[in-house]
Amino acid sequence: MINTVPDPILLTDVEGRVILANVRAEALLVTTERESEGRRRAVALNNMLFSAALTGRVIQRAEAQRRELLLVDPVDGSDLLFELISAVTQDPTGGVVVVSVLRNVMDLRRAAEEMEENYRKLHLVEEEVRAERDRLDLIIDSVADPILVTDPGGVTLLMNAPAEKLFTAAAGAAGEVLARVHSNDAYFSSFHANVLFTSETTRHTGEIGLVNPETGEALPVEAVAGKVFSQQAELIGIVTILHDLTQALERERLYAELKRASEGLEHKVREATAELVRQNELLRRQALQLEQASALKSQFLANMSHEFRTPLNAILGYTSMLLQGISGDLPPAQRKSLARIDSSAHHLLALINDILDISRIEAGKMPIHVGKFAITDLISEIVAEVEPIVSRTRLTLMREIDAGLPLVETDRAKVKQVVINLLTNALKFTPEGWVKVTADHEEASDRVVIAVSDTGIGITEEDQARIFEDFTQADSSSTRAYGGAGLGLSISKRLVTMLGGQLTLTSKTGTGSTFTLFMPRSLTR
């Protein structure tokens, strides 16, 4: 019967020598000379291990002792883990024997180790799930919008702090607060039912009219709900996010007002644009009329100048003949009167010539005759012409001409007219001191520079801004004191511009003035 027991059973003396063993025990601890060397060695090792396990402590104690024992399988040499249960007893002769039972716990140990490993893995998964839950809670609580997680039955599983303010009330809250919370619950439950029973999609959007439980203010929200399904396609929950629409509605209201204001402004702009078009057309017509009037004025002045010059030339001719004594000698008084007539007639002729020049320039009919000439010769000629004027004053006329001045190619007559005008003005407005003419060549820009400087009365900064305008002198007193129509500088400026040059002025009151003419050495026509 002992051989039917699956566990090895042995009866040994206190030193571990086998007295009786069942088949399972013999397979581990008994061998013969006929068996292989490997088996004999394995059995010998098992006996040594078994004997060592039966310590003196086992024999000294009456109760059964349990401990683990690692043996070797004599067949394949693999490890076998047993639980050794040993008990001391007496044989029929009164001797001390040990009854031992070996229970194979290898599978149990493997199962225990596997269970322990599974437990460890489960613990790690629980830690990960707990950490993920903590992260989820942190994320949800950090979101400003209320978030609710409900099961299919509408039971709230999770909500963040903003949602708690809408759907929960603190203990002892006022009755109106509780009423508002219940109202919010009712509206949300209605939305939840629509998502659950009427929405065929996994995502549902709608608007809910909630209230702030603390203040009672209306709180329109946009609810966005998403259904959550298990791997078996079973609905396990609904996640809802509530977004406050107050600012969006306010923006829509402001946008509508802005749109109305924009449309009104656009209408006003159209009206203003139409009015501007009308005004521009009116200004265009007025400008055209002014242009036509200016052309008529210029034509009239040109015609009248010619009409004036015809009798004036006759007066000058007859006056010249009388002064030359063609009709006989004249008494001193008559000669003096004729001299005054001749001077006034020449002055009037100069004014008429200025008016005629300005009219021709404005009409675009002033011709340009280009030719090569020497600036040195031109200035000598001009100085000779104004010498009679200088002789009647206390002024000194000086010249500084660059000896290396190249020939210039431009309109000689117009350059002469400009320089004479500048020089006569300098002589006219300089009571004492000197007047100087300088001429030089700018190689970098290939320009000829002619300057007329004086130590005269000078020109104020205010008058300098308008000195080149038509019919303009420094002021009315200078007009009365020095005469002239105020066209000389205006004509000079226009002539210089026609020649591609510039006419500039630097002046200081009481110190003098310098007019500088810059013109290209060769005029490109």
Protein backbone atom coordinates (compact mmCIF):
# COMPACT_ATOMS: atom_id res chain seq x y z
CA MET A 1 0.00 0.00 0.00
CA ILE A 2 2.91 2.35 0.70
CA ASN A 3 3.92 2.08 -2.96
CA THR A 4 0.59 3.57 -4.06
CA VAL A 5 1.42 6.86 -2.41
CA PRO A 6 2.78 9.31 -5.06
CA ASP A 7 5.13 11.02 -2.59
CA PRO A 8 8.44 9.42 -1.53
CA ILE A 9 8.17 7.86 2.00
CA LEU A 10 11.18 6.62 3.95
CA LEU A 11 11.96 5.00 7.28
CA THR A 12 15.55 5.75 8.30
CA ASP A 13 17.73 5.66 11.32
CA VAL A 14 18.89 8.90 12.89
CA GLU A 15 21.89 9.04 10.55
CA GLY A 16 19.75 8.88 7.46
CA ARG A 17 20.36 5.27 6.44
CA VAL A 18 17.32 3.88 4.67
CA ILE A 19 15.47 1.09 6.49
CA LEU A 20 12.34 1.12 4.40
CA ALA A 21 11.32 3.10 1.34
CA ASN A 22 8.50 3.09 -1.17
CA VAL A 23 9.07 2.99 -4.91
CA ARG A 24 9.13 6.80 -5.27
CA ALA A 25 11.76 7.08 -2.52
CA GLU A 26 13.89 4.27 -3.98
CA ALA A 27 13.94 6.08 -7.32
CA LEU A 28 15.63 9.00 -5.56
CA LEU A 29 17.78 7.37 -2.87
CA VAL A 30 18.47 3.73 -3.79
CA THR A 31 20.69 2.32 -6.58
CA THR A 32 22.58 -0.82 -7.54
CA GLU A 33 25.91 -1.58 -9.13
CA ARG A 34 24.21 -2.47 -12.38
CA GLU A 35 22.89 1.05 -12.92
CA SER A 36 24.74 3.81 -14.71
CA GLU A 37 27.49 5.84 -13.20
CA GLY A 38 25.48 9.02 -13.60
CA ARG A 39 22.52 7.62 -11.71
CA ARG A 40 24.71 6.29 -8.94
CA ARG A 41 26.33 9.70 -8.52
CA ALA A 42 22.95 11.43 -8.48
CA VAL A 43 21.61 8.97 -5.87
CA ALA A 44 24.76 9.40 -3.76
CA LEU A 45 24.32 13.18 -3.86
CA ASN A 46 20.66 12.85 -2.89
CA ASN A 47 21.56 10.61 0.09
CA MET A 48 24.15 13.08 1.25
CA LEU A 49 21.67 15.95 1.01
CA PHE A 50 18.95 13.91 2.72
CA SER A 51 21.22 12.86 5.59
CA ALA A 52 22.36 16.43 6.11
CA ALA A 53 18.74 17.51 6.36
CA LEU A 54 18.11 15.15 9.27
CA THR A 55 19.88 17.28 11.84
CA GLY A 56 20.20 16.59 15.50
CA ARG A 57 17.49 19.14 16.09
CA VAL A 58 14.97 16.94 14.25
CA ILE A 59 15.78 13.99 16.46
CA GLN A 60 15.70 15.99 19.71
CA ARG A 61 12.22 17.45 19.06
CA ALA A 62 9.14 15.32 19.22
CA GLU A 63 6.97 17.18 16.76
CA ALA A 64 7.28 16.87 13.02
CA GLN A 65 9.74 19.18 11.30
CA ARG A 66 9.25 20.77 7.89
CA ARG A 67 11.90 22.18 5.64
CA GLU A 68 12.68 22.41 1.97
CA LEU A 69 15.07 19.95 0.39
CA LEU A 70 16.59 20.29 -3.07
CA LEU A 71 17.46 16.93 -4.70
CA VAL A 72 18.58 15.82 -8.14
CA ASP A 73 16.48 13.78 -10.56
CA PRO A 74 18.67 10.68 -11.25
CA VAL A 75 17.10 10.31 -14.68
CA ASP A 76 17.87 13.68 -16.27
CA GLY A 77 19.81 15.53 -13.57
CA SER A 78 17.22 18.29 -13.21
CA ASP A 79 16.53 19.95 -9.88
CA LEU A 80 13.64 18.66 -7.75
CA LEU A 81 12.33 20.72 -4.87
CA PHE A 82 10.70 18.80 -2.05
CA GLU A 83 9.13 19.69 1.26
CA LEU A 84 10.71 17.32 3.80
CA ILE A 85 8.38 16.32 6.66
CA SER A 86 10.26 14.34 9.32
CA ALA A 87 9.07 12.83 12.59
CA VAL A 88 10.96 10.77 15.21
CA THR A 89 9.37 7.56 16.49
CA GLN A 90 10.34 4.15 17.98
CA ASP A 91 10.45 0.82 16.23
CA PRO A 92 9.01 -2.38 17.82
CA THR A 93 12.39 -3.09 19.43
CA GLY A 94 12.46 0.33 21.11
CA GLY A 95 15.00 1.83 18.74
CA VAL A 96 14.76 5.43 17.43
CA VAL A 97 13.74 5.77 13.81
CA VAL A 98 12.74 8.68 11.60
CA VAL A 99 9.73 8.67 9.31
CA SER A 100 10.14 11.10 6.40
CA VAL A 101 7.76 12.13 3.66
CA LEU A 102 9.00 14.10 0.62
CA ARG A 103 6.34 16.22 -1.10
CA ASN A 104 7.27 17.55 -4.55
CA VAL A 105 6.67 21.30 -4.34
CA MET A 106 8.42 22.27 -7.60
CA ASP A 107 5.15 22.96 -9.43
CA LEU A 108 3.80 24.68 -6.36
CA ARG A 109 6.92 26.83 -6.16
CA ARG A 110 6.67 27.68 -9.85
CA ALA A 111 3.02 28.55 -9.37
CA ALA A 112 3.88 30.65 -6.33
CA GLU A 113 6.67 32.42 -8.18
CA GLU A 114 4.39 33.00 -11.16
CA MET A 115 1.71 34.28 -8.82
CA GLU A 116 4.22 36.55 -7.15
CA GLU A 117 5.39 37.84 -10.54
CA ASN A 118 1.79 38.41 -11.59
CA TYR A 119 1.16 40.22 -8.34
CA ARG A 120 4.21 42.39 -8.93
CA LYS A 121 3.03 43.19 -12.46
CA LEU A 122 -0.44 43.89 -11.16
CA HIS A 123 1.02 46.21 -8.56
CA LEU A 124 2.98 48.05 -11.26
CA VAL A 125 -0.15 48.34 -13.38
CA GLU A 126 -2.05 49.66 -10.37
CA GLU A 127 0.70 52.21 -9.78
CA GLU A 128 0.59 53.26 -13.43
CA VAL A 129 -3.19 53.47 -13.35
CA ARG A 130 -3.03 55.48 -10.13
CA ALA A 131 -0.40 57.81 -11.61
CA GLU A 132 -2.42 58.13 -14.81
CA ARG A 133 -5.50 58.90 -12.72
CA ASP A 134 -3.56 61.52 -10.79
CA ARG A 135 -2.33 63.07 -14.05
CA LEU A 136 -5.85 62.97 -15.43
CA ASP A 137 -7.20 64.65 -12.30
CA LEU A 138 -4.46 67.28 -12.52
CA ILE A 139 -5.22 67.92 -16.19
CA ILE A 140 -8.96 68.06 -15.65
CA ASP A 141 -8.61 70.39 -12.66
CA SER A 142 -6.28 72.67 -14.62
CA VAL A 143 -8.88 73.16 -17.36
CA ALA A 144 -10.91 76.32 -16.86
CA ASP A 145 -14.01 74.83 -18.50
CA PRO A 146 -16.26 72.53 -16.44
CA ILE A 147 -15.74 68.82 -17.27
CA LEU A 148 -18.05 65.96 -16.23
CA VAL A 149 -17.68 62.20 -16.72
CA THR A 150 -20.92 60.24 -16.36
CA ASP A 151 -21.91 56.62 -16.83
CA PRO A 152 -24.69 55.62 -19.27
CA GLY A 153 -27.19 55.90 -16.42
CA GLY A 154 -26.35 59.56 -15.83
CA VAL A 155 -24.43 59.01 -12.60
CA THR A 156 -21.53 61.42 -12.28
CA LEU A 157 -18.24 59.57 -12.01
CA LEU A 158 -15.88 62.52 -12.12
CA MET A 159 -16.02 66.31 -12.32
CA ASN A 160 -13.41 69.04 -12.02
CA ALA A 161 -13.53 72.07 -9.73
CA PRO A 162 -15.31 74.41 -12.20
CA ALA A 163 -18.02 71.77 -12.68
CA GLU A 164 -18.41 71.35 -8.94
CA LYS A 165 -19.22 75.06 -8.64
CA LEU A 166 -22.17 74.56 -11.01
CA PHE A 167 -23.55 71.20 -9.89
CA THR A 168 -22.75 70.91 -6.17
CA ALA A 169 -23.61 73.00 -3.15
CA ALA A 170 -21.74 73.25 0.11
CA ALA A 171 -23.33 72.04 3.31
CA GLY A 172 -25.62 74.67 4.74
CA ALA A 173 -25.93 76.54 1.43
CA ALA A 174 -28.82 78.96 1.04
CA GLY A 175 -32.05 77.76 -0.46
CA GLU A 176 -31.71 79.79 -3.65
CA VAL A 177 -28.24 78.30 -4.21
CA LEU A 178 -29.65 74.78 -3.86
CA ALA A 179 -32.47 75.66 -6.24
CA ARG A 180 -30.02 76.91 -8.86
CA VAL A 181 -27.87 73.78 -8.51
CA HIS A 182 -30.96 71.58 -8.97
CA SER A 183 -31.92 73.66 -12.01
CA ASN A 184 -28.47 73.13 -13.52
CA ASP A 185 -28.74 69.39 -12.81
CA ALA A 186 -32.09 69.24 -14.59
CA TYR A 187 -30.82 71.04 -17.69
CA PHE A 188 -27.69 68.88 -17.81
CA SER A 189 -29.71 65.68 -17.34
CA SER A 190 -31.90 66.67 -20.28
CA PHE A 191 -28.81 67.23 -22.42
CA HIS A 192 -27.37 63.90 -21.25
CA ALA A 193 -30.57 62.11 -22.26
CA ASN A 194 -30.43 63.69 -25.73
CA VAL A 195 -26.85 62.50 -26.13
CA LEU A 196 -27.74 59.01 -24.94
CA PHE A 197 -30.96 58.38 -26.82
CA THR A 198 -31.16 60.73 -29.81
CA SER A 199 -27.57 61.28 -30.93
CA GLU A 200 -26.34 58.66 -33.39
CA THR A 201 -22.79 60.00 -33.46
CA THR A 202 -20.05 59.63 -30.87
CA ARG A 203 -19.86 63.42 -30.51
CA HIS A 204 -22.76 65.70 -29.71
CA THR A 205 -22.87 69.49 -29.35
CA GLY A 206 -25.60 71.64 -27.90
CA GLU A 207 -26.29 74.76 -25.86
CA ILE A 208 -27.50 74.72 -22.25
CA GLY A 209 -28.84 77.67 -20.28
CA LEU A 210 -27.29 77.35 -16.84
CA VAL A 211 -27.01 79.85 -13.99
CA ASN A 212 -24.26 80.76 -11.59
CA PRO A 213 -25.41 79.23 -8.27
CA GLU A 214 -23.72 81.95 -6.20
CA THR A 215 -24.82 85.05 -8.13
CA GLY A 216 -27.82 83.85 -10.09
CA GLU A 217 -26.42 85.34 -13.31
CA ALA A 218 -27.33 83.60 -16.55
CA LEU A 219 -24.55 81.36 -17.83
CA PRO A 220 -25.06 80.21 -21.42
CA VAL A 221 -22.71 77.33 -22.23
CA GLU A 222 -21.86 75.20 -25.21
CA ALA A 223 -21.85 71.53 -24.20
CA VAL A 224 -19.61 69.15 -26.17
CA ALA A 225 -20.18 65.50 -25.24
CA GLY A 226 -18.22 62.47 -26.41
CA LYS A 227 -19.23 58.86 -25.94
CA VAL A 228 -16.64 56.41 -24.58
CA PHE A 229 -16.83 52.76 -25.66
CA SER A 230 -15.07 49.64 -24.39
CA GLN A 231 -13.10 47.28 -26.60
CA GLN A 232 -16.30 45.27 -26.94
CA ALA A 233 -18.04 48.39 -28.38
CA GLU A 234 -20.08 48.78 -25.20
CA LEU A 235 -20.93 52.32 -24.06
CA ILE A 236 -19.19 52.83 -20.72
CA GLY A 237 -19.37 56.59 -20.21
CA ILE A 238 -19.90 60.09 -21.57
CA VAL A 239 -17.38 62.94 -21.22
CA THR A 240 -18.88 66.44 -21.40
CA ILE A 241 -17.07 69.77 -21.58
CA LEU A 242 -19.00 72.99 -20.92
CA HIS A 243 -17.66 76.14 -22.56
CA ASP A 244 -18.84 79.54 -21.35
CA LEU A 245 -20.48 81.41 -24.24
CA THR A 246 -20.83 84.73 -22.41
CA GLN A 247 -17.79 86.33 -24.03
CA ALA A 248 -18.58 84.79 -27.42
CA LEU A 249 -22.13 86.17 -27.31
CA GLU A 250 -20.77 89.53 -26.21
CA ARG A 251 -18.31 89.46 -29.11
CA GLU A 252 -21.16 88.63 -31.48
CA ARG A 253 -23.14 91.56 -30.09
CA LEU A 254 -20.16 93.89 -30.44
CA TYR A 255 -19.50 92.55 -33.93
CA ALA A 256 -23.10 93.24 -34.91
CA GLU A 257 -22.81 96.78 -33.55
CA LEU A 258 -19.47 97.23 -35.28
CA LYS A 259 -20.95 95.93 -38.51
CA ARG A 260 -23.83 98.38 -38.28
CA ALA A 261 -21.41 101.20 -37.49
CA SER A 262 -19.16 100.09 -40.35
CA GLU A 263 -22.08 100.05 -42.76
CA GLY A 264 -23.06 103.53 -41.59
CA LEU A 265 -19.48 104.73 -41.94
CA GLU A 266 -19.23 103.10 -45.36
CA HIS A 267 -22.37 104.97 -46.41
CA LYS A 268 -20.89 108.23 -45.14
CA VAL A 269 -17.61 107.48 -46.91
CA ARG A 270 -19.48 106.87 -50.15
CA GLU A 271 -21.31 110.16 -49.72
CA ALA A 272 -18.06 111.95 -48.84
CA THR A 273 -16.31 110.31 -51.80
CA ALA A 274 -19.08 111.41 -54.13
CA GLU A 275 -18.86 114.93 -52.69
CA LEU A 276 -15.08 114.83 -53.06
CA VAL A 277 -15.46 113.79 -56.70
CA ARG A 278 -17.82 116.71 -57.23
CA GLN A 279 -15.42 119.10 -55.50
CA ASN A 280 -12.47 117.74 -57.50
CA GLU A 281 -14.41 118.22 -60.71
CA LEU A 282 -15.27 121.75 -59.62
CA LEU A 283 -11.61 122.42 -58.76
CA ARG A 284 -10.53 120.93 -62.08
CA ARG A 285 -12.87 123.25 -63.92
CA GLN A 286 -11.72 126.21 -61.84
CA ALA A 287 -8.07 125.27 -62.46
CA LEU A 288 -8.80 125.03 -66.17
CA GLN A 289 -10.48 128.42 -66.05
CA LEU A 290 -7.53 129.86 -64.12
CA GLU A 291 -5.12 128.33 -66.60
CA GLN A 292 -7.09 129.80 -69.47
CA ALA A 293 -7.26 133.15 -67.68
CA SER A 294 -3.51 133.02 -67.03
CA ALA A 295 -2.88 132.23 -70.68
CA LEU A 296 -5.15 135.10 -71.70
CA LYS A 297 -3.36 137.34 -69.20
CA SER A 298 0.03 136.37 -70.57
CA GLN A 299 -1.19 136.87 -74.12
CA PHE A 300 -2.73 140.21 -73.16
CA LEU A 301 0.47 141.35 -71.45
CA ALA A 302 2.55 140.25 -74.41
CA ASN A 303 0.27 142.06 -76.83
CA MET A 304 0.09 145.18 -74.67
CA SER A 305 3.87 145.13 -74.21
CA HIS A 306 4.28 145.18 -77.97
CA GLU A 307 1.70 147.95 -78.21
CA PHE A 308 3.57 149.95 -75.53
CA ARG A 309 6.98 149.38 -77.09
CA THR A 310 5.98 150.83 -80.49
CA PRO A 311 5.18 154.40 -79.30
CA LEU A 312 7.86 154.13 -76.61
CA ASN A 313 10.53 153.39 -79.20
CA ALA A 314 9.36 156.44 -81.11
CA ILE A 315 9.66 158.56 -77.96
CA LEU A 316 13.14 157.20 -77.32
CA GLY A 317 14.15 157.84 -80.94
CA TYR A 318 12.93 161.42 -81.05
CA THR A 319 14.39 162.13 -77.60
CA SER A 320 17.76 160.79 -78.72
CA MET A 321 17.72 162.95 -81.86
CA LEU A 322 16.84 166.06 -79.85
CA LEU A 323 19.61 165.35 -77.34
CA GLN A 324 22.07 164.90 -80.23
CA GLY A 325 21.16 168.42 -81.48
CA ILE A 326 19.74 167.37 -84.84
CA SER A 327 17.10 170.11 -84.49
CA GLY A 328 19.60 172.58 -83.11
CA ASP A 329 21.17 173.32 -79.80
CA LEU A 330 18.89 173.16 -76.78
CA PRO A 331 18.92 175.38 -73.75
CA PRO A 332 20.27 173.66 -70.61
CA ALA A 333 16.84 173.50 -68.98
CA GLN A 334 15.30 171.76 -72.01
CA ARG A 335 18.26 169.38 -72.32
CA LYS A 336 17.86 168.46 -68.65
CA SER A 337 14.13 167.78 -69.13
CA LEU A 338 14.78 165.68 -72.23
CA ALA A 339 17.42 163.70 -70.31
CA ARG A 340 14.83 162.92 -67.65
CA ILE A 341 12.36 161.87 -70.34
CA ASP A 342 14.98 159.64 -71.93
CA SER A 343 15.87 158.02 -68.56
CA SER A 344 12.24 157.42 -67.66
CA ALA A 345 11.51 156.02 -71.11
CA HIS A 346 14.42 153.57 -70.85
CA HIS A 347 13.21 152.54 -67.38
CA LEU A 348 9.71 152.01 -68.73
CA LEU A 349 11.12 149.99 -71.63
CA ALA A 350 12.99 147.76 -69.15
CA LEU A 351 9.75 147.14 -67.24
CA ILE A 352 7.90 146.33 -70.44
CA ASN A 353 10.69 143.94 -71.47
CA ASP A 354 10.43 142.18 -68.07
CA ILE A 355 6.67 141.79 -68.46
CA LEU A 356 7.15 140.48 -71.98
CA ASP A 357 9.79 137.99 -70.78
CA ILE A 358 7.65 136.64 -67.94
CA SER A 359 4.69 136.29 -70.30
CA ARG A 360 6.74 134.40 -72.87
CA ILE A 361 8.17 132.09 -70.19
CA GLU A 362 4.69 131.32 -68.79
CA ALA A 363 3.40 130.69 -72.29
CA GLY A 364 6.33 128.36 -73.00
CA LYS A 365 7.42 130.47 -75.95
CA MET A 366 10.82 131.58 -74.67
CA PRO A 367 13.36 130.19 -77.17
CA ILE A 368 16.77 128.81 -76.15
CA HIS A 369 19.79 129.42 -78.36
CA VAL A 370 22.72 127.18 -77.40
CA GLY A 371 26.27 128.07 -78.30
CA LYS A 372 29.83 127.83 -76.96
CA PHE A 373 31.39 130.84 -75.24
CA ALA A 374 33.88 131.81 -72.53
CA ILE A 375 32.56 132.87 -69.15
CA THR A 376 35.57 135.17 -68.70
CA ASP A 377 34.67 137.19 -71.81
CA LEU A 378 31.00 137.32 -70.79
CA ILE A 379 31.76 138.72 -67.33
CA SER A 380 34.20 141.28 -68.75
CA GLU A 381 31.47 142.42 -71.11
CA ILE A 382 28.93 142.67 -68.28
CA VAL A 383 31.32 144.62 -66.03
CA ALA A 384 31.97 147.08 -68.85
CA GLU A 385 28.23 147.66 -69.28
CA VAL A 386 27.60 148.34 -65.59
CA GLU A 387 30.75 150.45 -65.13
CA PRO A 388 28.82 153.74 -65.70
CA ILE A 389 26.51 152.77 -62.84
CA VAL A 390 29.44 151.94 -60.56
CA SER A 391 31.12 155.25 -61.38
CA ARG A 392 28.16 157.13 -59.94
CA THR A 393 28.52 155.32 -56.56
CA ARG A 394 31.11 154.91 -53.84
CA LEU A 395 31.26 151.15 -54.41
CA THR A 396 34.15 148.93 -55.44
CA LEU A 397 33.40 146.30 -58.09
CA MET A 398 35.68 143.24 -57.85
CA ARG A 399 36.15 140.14 -59.96
CA GLU A 400 37.53 136.66 -59.11
CA ILE A 401 37.53 134.50 -62.22
CA ASP A 402 39.14 131.06 -62.41
CA ALA A 403 41.74 131.27 -65.16
CA GLY A 404 41.18 127.63 -66.07
CA LEU A 405 37.45 127.96 -66.71
CA PRO A 406 36.46 125.78 -69.68
CA LEU A 407 34.16 126.92 -72.44
CA VAL A 408 30.48 126.50 -71.71
CA GLU A 409 27.74 125.44 -74.10
CA THR A 410 24.43 127.08 -73.24
CA ASP A 411 22.30 130.16 -74.03
CA ARG A 412 24.75 133.08 -73.71
CA ALA A 413 22.10 135.83 -73.81
CA LYS A 414 20.08 134.32 -70.98
CA VAL A 415 23.16 133.79 -68.79
CA LYS A 416 24.11 137.41 -69.43
CA GLN A 417 20.58 138.60 -68.60
CA VAL A 418 20.65 136.72 -65.28
CA VAL A 419 24.12 137.94 -64.24
CA ILE A 420 23.32 141.56 -65.23
CA ASN A 421 20.13 141.39 -63.17
CA LEU A 422 21.98 140.03 -60.13
CA LEU A 423 24.77 142.58 -60.51
CA THR A 424 22.46 145.61 -60.97
CA ASN A 425 20.42 144.48 -57.94
CA ALA A 426 23.60 144.24 -55.87
CA LEU A 427 24.64 147.74 -56.95
CA LYS A 428 21.14 149.06 -56.28
CA PHE A 429 20.82 147.62 -52.74
CA THR A 430 24.40 148.30 -51.56
CA PRO A 431 24.85 151.87 -50.27
CA GLU A 432 28.58 151.45 -49.61
CA GLY A 433 31.25 148.80 -49.55
CA TRP A 434 31.84 146.42 -52.44
CA VAL A 435 30.21 144.13 -54.96
CA LYS A 436 32.06 141.05 -56.17
CA VAL A 437 31.57 138.65 -59.09
CA THR A 438 33.21 135.20 -58.89
CA ALA A 439 33.24 132.34 -61.40
CA ASP A 440 34.53 128.80 -60.88
CA HIS A 441 34.18 125.27 -62.23
CA GLU A 442 33.02 122.25 -60.16
CA GLU A 443 34.85 119.32 -61.70
CA ALA A 444 32.95 116.66 -59.72
CA SER A 445 29.55 117.79 -61.03
CA ASP A 446 30.91 119.49 -64.18
CA ARG A 447 29.03 122.66 -63.31
CA VAL A 448 29.92 126.33 -63.72
CA VAL A 449 29.34 128.41 -60.59
CA ILE A 450 28.84 132.20 -60.84
CA ALA A 451 28.26 134.13 -57.62
CA VAL A 452 27.40 137.81 -57.04
CA SER A 453 28.12 139.00 -53.48
CA ASP A 454 27.63 142.39 -51.84
CA THR A 455 27.85 144.21 -48.53
CA GLY A 456 24.39 145.69 -48.92
CA ILE A 457 21.26 145.87 -46.79
CA GLY A 458 20.68 142.09 -46.83
CA ILE A 459 17.38 140.17 -46.87
CA THR A 460 15.43 138.84 -43.88
CA GLU A 461 14.73 135.10 -43.57
CA GLU A 462 11.02 135.76 -44.02
CA ASP A 463 11.62 137.66 -47.28
CA GLN A 464 14.12 135.09 -48.55
CA ALA A 465 11.29 132.52 -48.78
CA ARG A 466 9.39 134.66 -51.31
CA ILE A 467 12.09 136.74 -52.98
CA PHE A 468 11.90 134.72 -56.22
CA GLU A 469 8.13 135.20 -56.62
CA ASP A 470 6.62 137.48 -59.29
CA PHE A 471 6.34 141.19 -58.47
CA THR A 472 8.21 140.71 -55.18
CA GLN A 473 10.89 142.76 -53.46
CA ALA A 474 12.06 142.62 -49.86
CA ASP A 475 9.25 144.90 -48.73
CA SER A 476 7.13 147.80 -49.84
CA SER A 477 9.58 150.36 -48.51
CA SER A 478 12.34 148.99 -50.73
CA THR A 479 9.97 149.18 -53.66
CA ARG A 480 9.44 152.85 -53.03
CA ALA A 481 13.10 153.53 -52.26
CA TYR A 482 14.68 151.56 -55.07
CA GLY A 483 11.97 151.19 -57.70
CA GLY A 484 11.38 148.26 -60.00
CA ALA A 485 8.47 145.91 -60.68
CA GLY A 486 9.91 143.00 -58.71
CA LEU A 487 10.18 140.70 -61.74
CA GLY A 488 13.95 140.54 -62.15
CA LEU A 489 14.68 137.70 -59.71
CA SER A 490 11.58 135.77 -60.76
CA ILE A 491 12.66 135.95 -64.41
CA SER A 492 16.24 135.05 -63.47
CA LYS A 493 15.06 132.01 -61.49
CA ARG A 494 12.94 130.77 -64.40
CA LEU A 495 15.68 131.34 -66.95
CA VAL A 496 18.20 129.42 -64.83
CA THR A 497 15.71 126.55 -64.48
CA MET A 498 15.25 126.52 -68.27
CA LEU A 499 19.03 126.17 -68.60
CA GLY A 500 19.03 123.16 -66.23
CA GLY A 501 20.60 125.06 -63.34
CA GLN A 502 19.85 126.40 -59.87
CA LEU A 503 19.77 129.88 -58.35
CA THR A 504 20.33 130.07 -54.59
CA LEU A 505 20.49 132.82 -51.99
CA THR A 506 22.33 133.27 -48.71
CA SER A 507 21.82 136.56 -46.89
CA LYS A 508 21.89 138.26 -43.51
CA THR A 509 20.20 141.53 -42.72
CA GLY A 510 22.70 144.42 -42.51
CA THR A 511 25.61 142.26 -43.70
CA GLY A 512 24.94 141.53 -47.35
CA SER A 513 23.75 138.86 -49.76
CA THR A 514 25.17 136.26 -52.13
CA PHE A 515 23.24 134.97 -55.14
CA THR A 516 24.83 131.85 -56.65
CA LEU A 517 24.12 130.48 -60.11
CA PHE A 518 24.82 126.76 -60.69
CA MET A 519 24.48 125.59 -64.28
CA PRO A 520 25.72 122.59 -66.27
CA ARG A 521 28.77 123.30 -68.41
CA SER A 522 26.96 121.79 -71.38
CA LEU A 523 23.19 122.12 -71.77
CA THR A 524 21.53 118.91 -72.93
CA ARG A 525 18.75 119.92 -75.25
